[in-house]
Amino acid sequence: MKATRKLSTMWRSYFLLVVLTGCVDPVTGYSNGKVSVACGDMVPQHGHDPSPDPPPYSITVDKSSFSPGDHITVSLQVASSNHTFFRGFLMEARDAGKPHSPAVGSFILTDLHESQLLQCGHTQGSGVSHRRSSRKTQVQAVWESPKSPPQRVQFLVTVVHEYKVYWVKIAGPVVSLRGATAVPTTAVPAETTSPAALSTPFSSEGCGHTKSCLRDPMGCDPESDPHCFFLSFTTDEEERSVMFELSGPAEGYVSFALSLDKWMGNDDVYLCVKDGSRVTISAAYVSGRTQPELTTEDALWGRAWRLADGVIQCCFHRNILLPQLENRFNLNKSYFLFLAHGRSHQGFIHRHDRQPLISTNQKVISGPAEDLGGSHSPLLIKLHGVFMLTAWMWMVSTAVFIARHYKHLWPEKTLLGHRLWFQLHRTMMVLAVVLTFVAITLAFIYRRGWSKLAGSHPYIGCTVMALSVLQPIMAMLRPAPESPRRIIFSWLHFGAGTVTQTLAALCVFLGAAQQALLLPSPWSPAVLTGWLLWIVLADLLLLIPSCKFRNKGKSNSEDKENILFAQLERQQHEEISKIKKMVLVVFLIGNTGFLAAFIKAIVCV
């Protein structure tokens, strides 16, 4: 009886085990790394989609070119900025111009405990995969070039972090066959591979020696300065392609363009656009001052990017010659370089917030390494700013100051037949009108007409120009001093001059915020405000003693027969004269200081 119960219990246990086993889905993961079935598309048979996030891994090689039979060490590692790992991987080398073709060459293992060879295609050892599912942070393998290799070879790696988290065909470096003569085709397109993750920020080391650089501000290092905008480019050993590095703090995108002149339009443009938590790297073409037109042909390869602390970084390779693609400039010619940044929304870029940094001179992209200089403002606009500031910050303010306070200081002194104060006032005002006319002409020459994007600045500027011309015309038609209409002229001259000076000050404030001559903020408005307060303070310093002198004169008017009054009046006049001379010297020094500060800021823009 007991034996029967024991047998019944045993059968029930077997039945339960069979039921539980039947409820478990079969899993086709390959923890042992025997993944030859995935050699073609390099997609793990996990039943899940690849991760949409940027891969936290980087792929490096120890050589950029090779000959048949050469060995190249390929490394897969976790990016230094990420504390993660991977359990599985599949590494292949393919023809960069035919990314869907079978693997080429073969690999030699360096760590028999973590990796194993696979036969992908017709060659044994043409793929490398993991041997076990342990946590890894780095693996290496040595690739051996075949006897008849393609002209360019790109390393592709699929990486598995966990069963449901993996990345397919992470694009690795592209290496070139030495002595190849034909122009190679474009490397792996963006839609078939994921750009690699950059492990570290770019560095300015080697600028001017091993690579050409354009930086803003000049001499900055993107590795240590988060506010540094950086562009570098290096030609490979075979002089067949160029690697570009682009970096900068931006809300939406950083970009650069190759241009035949210093005007935006008909340019070869390259964009690194932030789109959510990733960066898209693409080429475009600008025809005129319009939105860049993205190219449908993919001319870029070896792409990688990084987002950290608000800084966008990306790098890519491009062949020097691309005769089969329209609107792609040959990199063996000289161009001006534009470096720009701005905002974007869902991958759509907006107009850059600031005038692009433009290289001072043209540069042959594939030529010798240079440390390039550049400016955000063209020379014509810089001269426009210098002339306008010289006219209104120095000449006009000084001319008005002299006419207001020094008319009676030198009553007997003359220059070329006219009173000294009048000659100084008239000469500086005429020069100011001439400088204003020249400055506005330069702005129109640069813009090639009226600027529709400068706001009210050009309108106010032209109004100032018109009033500036009206003032000397009005002065030439002034009535005689004894004429009863003289008072009307005096008030009109004073009123028009005050309005002109006020509009000119407003125009200077607006001009300092223009894209074409964007001066530092809040430094610029603060210094301009200080200059206005300086003029008001100087006026008050001279008005106070003058009022006291007039009040004393009135109180002593009844005692004018007194001999001492004339002596006292002379003494007071001499004291005020000394004060006025001192104030004039200090005023000129202060005005010169403000002007020099702004000229220096304009030169540095």
Foldseek 3Di string as FASTA:
>chain_A
DVVVVVVVVVVVVVVVVVVVVVVDDDADFDQQWQVLVCQQLQDTPLPADEDPFADQKAKDWPAQADAAFDKIKIKIFGQQVDDAWFFKKKKAKDQQQCVRDWGFFAKAAPDPQFKDADDTPPDTRRMMMTRGRDTHGMGMIMTTHHNDHHQKMWMFMKTHRDSRYIAGGATHHMHGYPPDDDQGHAGDDCVSHHYHAHRADFFCPCFFHQKDKEKVPAPDTVRPDQAMWIWIWGAHPNRFKIKIKTKHQAAWKKKKWWAADPFPALIWIWIWTDAPNHTDTFIFTGHHPDFTHTDPDGQWGNKYWYDDPRMTIIMIMGTQDDVVDPSDHRLQDWTKMWIFHYHADNRHGDDTPFQTWIWPDIDRNSDRGHHTYTDSADPLLLLLLLLLCCLQLALQLLLVVLVVFVCPLQVPDDDPPHHPSVVSNVVSLVSSLVSLVSSLVSVCVVVVHDDPPLPCLVVLSVVLNVLSVVLVVLVVPADDPPDPCNVVSVVVNVVSSVVSSVSSLVSSVSSCCDNNQPFDPPVVVVLSVVSVVLSVVLVVQLVVLVVVLVVVCVVCVVVVVDPVVVVVNVVSSVVSSVSVVVSSVVNNVVSVVSSVVVSVRRVSD
